[in-house]
Amino acid sequence: MIRVGVVDDQTLVRQGIRSLLSLADDVEVVAEAEDGDGALALVEEHGPDVLLLDLRMPRRDGIATLHTLTERDLDVPVLVLTTFDDDELVLQALRAGARGYLLKDVTLDQLVGAVRTLANGGTLIEPAITDRLIRAVRASHPDDGEGDGFGTSVGPDPELTDRELEVLRLIASGYANREIAAALHLAEGTVKNHVSNVLLKLGVRDRTRAVLRALHLGILGGNGPSVLGR
């Protein structure tokens, strides 16, 4: 059973998410919170497998909550819930450690699929606003060789091998290491090595930043496959 925490300042939204997730046999909402302070208490008390987090909340907002989770070493996969108008906030959230994002008009299949993906160690990048995020990244950090806010400075061509590119594309589609291993007929340990090499070459610390960095460099197109369509 995947244990989920839901954080949103709107009671109706929280109730709607709980109702949707209750339809999935393998997902359970274990707790709710209405702001960032409540989110931190929720994670410490219940230790959910996935945290659904709104960005715009009173008192401690979503970005501040993500930073505090990192500071307190509270390692929980965070799925941000946002709207089309939140491009810059989404970028800030991903830089702060969120593992993915969804729009608030999400369907049941999309929401449950996203929760399962993060619970299995995957990363979620939704194609519906990927192009807008790429433009926002490039507008904020032009290709000047000085880095893009997702990691250390690297050159325009990180020279990924064909196998590393395959692994990177599967990461962008939300696959966890075990699923990548099955898809490419490799040992899971070999996949872990490839992932480590990809992160090193892209100069980033985690899988989400790797995908955004690759999008920024043009290694991945904005119209690639999505875990939500699997």
Protein backbone atom coordinates (compact mmCIF):
# COMPACT_ATOMS: atom_id res chain seq x y z
CA MET A 1 0.00 0.00 0.00
CA ILE A 2 1.35 3.44 -0.98
CA ARG A 3 0.84 5.89 1.88
CA VAL A 4 0.17 9.46 0.74
CA GLY A 5 0.07 12.82 2.49
CA VAL A 6 -1.97 15.66 0.96
CA VAL A 7 -1.09 19.32 1.57
CA ASP A 8 -3.33 22.10 0.25
CA ASP A 9 -4.90 25.14 1.87
CA GLN A 10 -8.25 24.47 0.17
CA THR A 11 -10.38 21.92 1.99
CA LEU A 12 -12.35 21.06 -1.14
CA VAL A 13 -9.15 20.26 -3.06
CA ARG A 14 -7.89 17.98 -0.28
CA GLN A 15 -11.23 16.20 -0.11
CA GLY A 16 -11.27 15.79 -3.88
CA ILE A 17 -7.79 14.29 -3.94
CA ARG A 18 -8.64 11.94 -1.09
CA SER A 19 -11.79 10.82 -2.90
CA LEU A 20 -9.90 10.17 -6.13
CA LEU A 21 -7.11 8.24 -4.46
CA SER A 22 -9.57 6.13 -2.47
CA LEU A 23 -10.60 4.55 -5.78
CA ALA A 24 -7.13 2.99 -6.18
CA ASP A 25 -6.60 -0.34 -4.43
CA ASP A 26 -2.93 0.30 -3.68
CA VAL A 27 -3.06 3.94 -2.47
CA GLU A 28 -4.13 5.31 0.91
CA VAL A 29 -4.24 8.93 2.12
CA VAL A 30 -2.85 8.74 5.65
CA ALA A 31 -2.98 12.43 6.57
CA GLU A 32 -3.79 15.95 5.34
CA ALA A 33 -2.41 19.41 6.08
CA GLU A 34 -3.43 22.93 5.10
CA ASP A 35 -0.03 24.64 5.04
CA GLY A 36 3.71 24.06 5.11
CA ASP A 37 3.99 23.85 8.88
CA GLY A 38 1.33 21.16 8.85
CA ALA A 39 3.17 19.40 6.02
CA LEU A 40 6.36 19.16 8.05
CA ALA A 41 4.47 17.78 11.04
CA LEU A 42 2.67 15.34 8.74
CA VAL A 43 5.91 13.97 7.31
CA GLU A 44 7.55 13.65 10.72
CA GLU A 45 4.54 11.90 12.27
CA HIS A 46 3.29 9.70 9.45
CA GLY A 47 6.30 9.22 7.13
CA PRO A 48 4.27 8.99 3.91
CA ASP A 49 5.67 7.32 0.80
CA VAL A 50 4.63 10.32 -1.33
CA LEU A 51 3.70 13.89 -0.41
CA LEU A 52 1.31 15.86 -2.64
CA LEU A 53 2.16 19.53 -2.11
CA ASP A 54 0.46 22.74 -3.16
CA LEU A 55 2.77 25.70 -3.81
CA ARG A 56 0.61 28.69 -2.93
CA MET A 57 -0.29 28.44 0.75
CA PRO A 58 -0.43 30.88 3.68
CA ARG A 59 2.36 31.10 6.27
CA ARG A 60 4.93 28.55 4.97
CA ASP A 61 4.42 28.04 1.23
CA GLY A 62 5.41 25.05 -0.89
CA ILE A 63 8.88 26.28 -1.83
CA ALA A 64 9.80 27.04 1.78
CA THR A 65 8.43 23.65 2.79
CA LEU A 66 10.64 21.88 0.25
CA HIS A 67 13.72 23.70 1.53
CA THR A 68 12.88 22.84 5.13
CA LEU A 69 12.30 19.17 4.27
CA THR A 70 15.83 19.11 2.86
CA GLU A 71 17.30 20.96 5.84
CA ARG A 72 15.71 18.48 8.24
CA ASP A 73 16.76 15.46 6.15
CA LEU A 74 13.11 14.44 5.72
CA ASP A 75 13.48 12.34 2.59
CA VAL A 76 10.03 12.02 1.02
CA PRO A 77 9.22 12.13 -2.71
CA VAL A 78 7.26 15.34 -3.31
CA LEU A 79 4.75 15.74 -6.14
CA VAL A 80 3.85 19.40 -6.65
CA LEU A 81 0.29 20.29 -7.65
CA THR A 82 0.20 23.47 -9.71
CA THR A 83 -1.59 25.46 -12.43
CA PHE A 84 -0.52 26.75 -15.85
CA ASP A 85 0.36 30.12 -14.32
CA ASP A 86 2.98 28.71 -11.96
CA ASP A 87 5.90 28.05 -14.37
CA GLU A 88 8.52 29.94 -12.36
CA LEU A 89 7.28 28.47 -9.09
CA VAL A 90 7.50 24.99 -10.59
CA LEU A 91 11.11 25.63 -11.57
CA GLN A 92 11.87 26.83 -8.05
CA ALA A 93 10.17 23.73 -6.64
CA LEU A 94 12.16 21.36 -8.84
CA ARG A 95 15.38 23.10 -7.90
CA ALA A 96 14.34 22.79 -4.25
CA GLY A 97 13.98 19.02 -4.54
CA ALA A 98 10.47 18.21 -5.81
CA ARG A 99 10.42 15.01 -7.82
CA GLY A 100 7.66 16.08 -10.19
CA TYR A 101 4.52 18.10 -10.79
CA LEU A 102 0.95 17.79 -12.00
CA LEU A 103 -1.75 20.25 -12.94
CA LYS A 104 -4.73 20.53 -10.62
CA ASP A 105 -7.17 19.43 -13.32
CA VAL A 106 -5.55 16.00 -13.19
CA THR A 107 -7.56 12.86 -13.97
CA LEU A 108 -7.76 9.84 -11.68
CA ASP A 109 -5.47 7.75 -13.89
CA GLN A 110 -2.91 10.54 -14.07
CA LEU A 111 -2.93 11.18 -10.35
CA VAL A 112 -2.65 7.52 -9.36
CA GLY A 113 0.00 6.93 -12.02
CA ALA A 114 2.03 9.85 -10.73
CA VAL A 115 1.81 8.64 -7.12
CA ARG A 116 2.94 5.16 -8.15
CA THR A 117 5.81 6.59 -10.19
CA LEU A 118 7.22 8.65 -7.32
CA ALA A 119 6.69 5.81 -4.83
CA ASN A 120 8.77 3.57 -7.11
CA GLY A 121 11.61 6.08 -7.26
CA GLY A 122 10.69 7.69 -10.57
CA THR A 123 10.54 11.31 -11.68
CA LEU A 124 7.53 12.97 -13.30
CA ILE A 125 7.78 15.64 -15.98
CA GLU A 126 4.41 16.35 -17.59
CA PRO A 127 4.63 17.19 -21.33
CA ALA A 128 1.64 19.57 -21.15
CA ILE A 129 3.86 22.32 -19.73
CA THR A 130 7.36 21.01 -20.44
CA ASP A 131 7.86 23.37 -23.38
CA ARG A 132 6.91 26.33 -21.20
CA LEU A 133 9.35 25.23 -18.53
CA ILE A 134 12.13 24.92 -21.09
CA ARG A 135 11.46 28.49 -22.24
CA ALA A 136 11.44 29.68 -18.63
CA VAL A 137 14.77 27.94 -17.95
CA ARG A 138 16.37 29.44 -21.04
CA ALA A 139 14.99 32.90 -20.33
CA SER A 140 16.36 32.82 -16.77
CA HIS A 141 19.67 31.17 -17.65
CA PRO A 142 20.85 31.78 -21.24
CA ASP A 143 23.32 29.32 -22.74
CA ASP A 144 26.41 31.19 -21.64
CA GLY A 145 28.37 28.30 -20.16
CA GLU A 146 27.79 29.52 -16.63
CA GLY A 147 25.32 26.87 -15.55
CA ASP A 148 21.54 26.96 -15.39
CA GLY A 149 20.63 26.77 -11.74
CA PHE A 150 20.22 22.98 -11.65
CA GLY A 151 23.77 21.98 -10.83
CA THR A 152 27.37 22.83 -11.49
CA SER A 153 28.53 24.48 -14.69
CA VAL A 154 29.03 22.06 -17.57
CA GLY A 155 29.73 22.52 -21.24
CA PRO A 156 27.04 22.45 -23.95
CA ASP A 157 27.88 18.84 -24.88
CA PRO A 158 28.15 16.45 -21.92
CA GLU A 159 29.04 13.59 -24.32
CA LEU A 160 26.59 10.99 -23.08
CA THR A 161 26.97 7.52 -24.54
CA ASP A 162 24.12 5.92 -26.49
CA ARG A 163 23.28 3.76 -23.48
CA GLU A 164 23.32 6.75 -21.13
CA LEU A 165 20.94 8.57 -23.48
CA GLU A 166 18.60 5.57 -23.39
CA VAL A 167 18.70 5.60 -19.60
CA LEU A 168 18.13 9.37 -19.51
CA ARG A 169 15.07 9.10 -21.78
CA LEU A 170 13.58 6.43 -19.52
CA ILE A 171 14.29 8.58 -16.46
CA ALA A 172 12.42 11.42 -18.19
CA SER A 173 9.50 9.03 -18.73
CA GLY A 174 9.34 8.29 -15.01
CA TYR A 175 10.99 4.88 -14.93
CA ALA A 176 12.67 3.74 -11.72
CA ASN A 177 16.00 1.88 -11.88
CA ARG A 178 14.31 -1.51 -11.66
CA GLU A 179 12.00 -0.67 -14.56
CA ILE A 180 14.89 0.70 -16.64
CA ALA A 181 16.79 -2.52 -16.02
CA ALA A 182 13.84 -4.57 -17.25
CA ALA A 183 13.27 -2.36 -20.29
CA LEU A 184 16.93 -2.45 -21.38
CA HIS A 185 17.63 -6.03 -20.22
CA LEU A 186 20.38 -4.90 -17.87
CA ALA A 187 21.27 -5.66 -14.27
CA GLU A 188 19.91 -3.10 -11.83
CA GLY A 189 23.44 -2.42 -10.59
CA THR A 190 24.51 -1.58 -14.14
CA VAL A 191 21.60 0.85 -14.45
CA LYS A 192 22.61 2.54 -11.20
CA ASN A 193 26.09 3.05 -12.63
CA HIS A 194 24.66 4.57 -15.81
CA VAL A 195 22.42 6.89 -13.79
CA SER A 196 25.39 8.00 -11.70
CA ASN A 197 27.36 8.73 -14.88
CA VAL A 198 24.47 10.73 -16.34
CA LEU A 199 24.18 12.85 -13.19
CA LEU A 200 27.94 13.42 -13.14
CA LYS A 201 28.16 14.39 -16.79
CA LEU A 202 25.19 16.73 -16.55
CA GLY A 203 26.58 18.28 -13.37
CA VAL A 204 23.43 17.73 -11.29
CA ARG A 205 22.54 16.10 -7.98
CA ASP A 206 19.36 14.20 -8.76
CA ARG A 207 17.16 12.73 -11.48
CA THR A 208 14.72 15.64 -11.71
CA ARG A 209 17.52 18.14 -12.28
CA ALA A 210 19.06 15.75 -14.81
CA VAL A 211 15.88 15.80 -16.90
CA LEU A 212 15.54 19.60 -16.70
CA ARG A 213 19.23 20.07 -17.50
CA ALA A 214 18.90 17.75 -20.51
CA LEU A 215 15.83 19.66 -21.71
CA HIS A 216 17.71 22.92 -21.30
CA LEU A 217 20.63 21.61 -23.38
CA GLY A 218 18.34 20.21 -26.07
CA ILE A 219 19.33 16.60 -25.35
CA LEU A 220 15.68 15.74 -24.72
CA GLY A 221 12.88 17.23 -26.79
CA GLY A 222 9.85 18.79 -25.12
CA ASN A 223 7.46 16.33 -26.75
CA GLY A 224 8.93 13.08 -25.51
CA PRO A 225 6.99 10.26 -23.84
CA SER A 226 5.37 10.83 -20.48
CA VAL A 227 4.91 8.46 -17.59
CA LEU A 228 1.29 9.62 -17.57
CA GLY A 229 0.75 8.02 -20.94
CA ARG A 230 2.31 4.68 -20.08
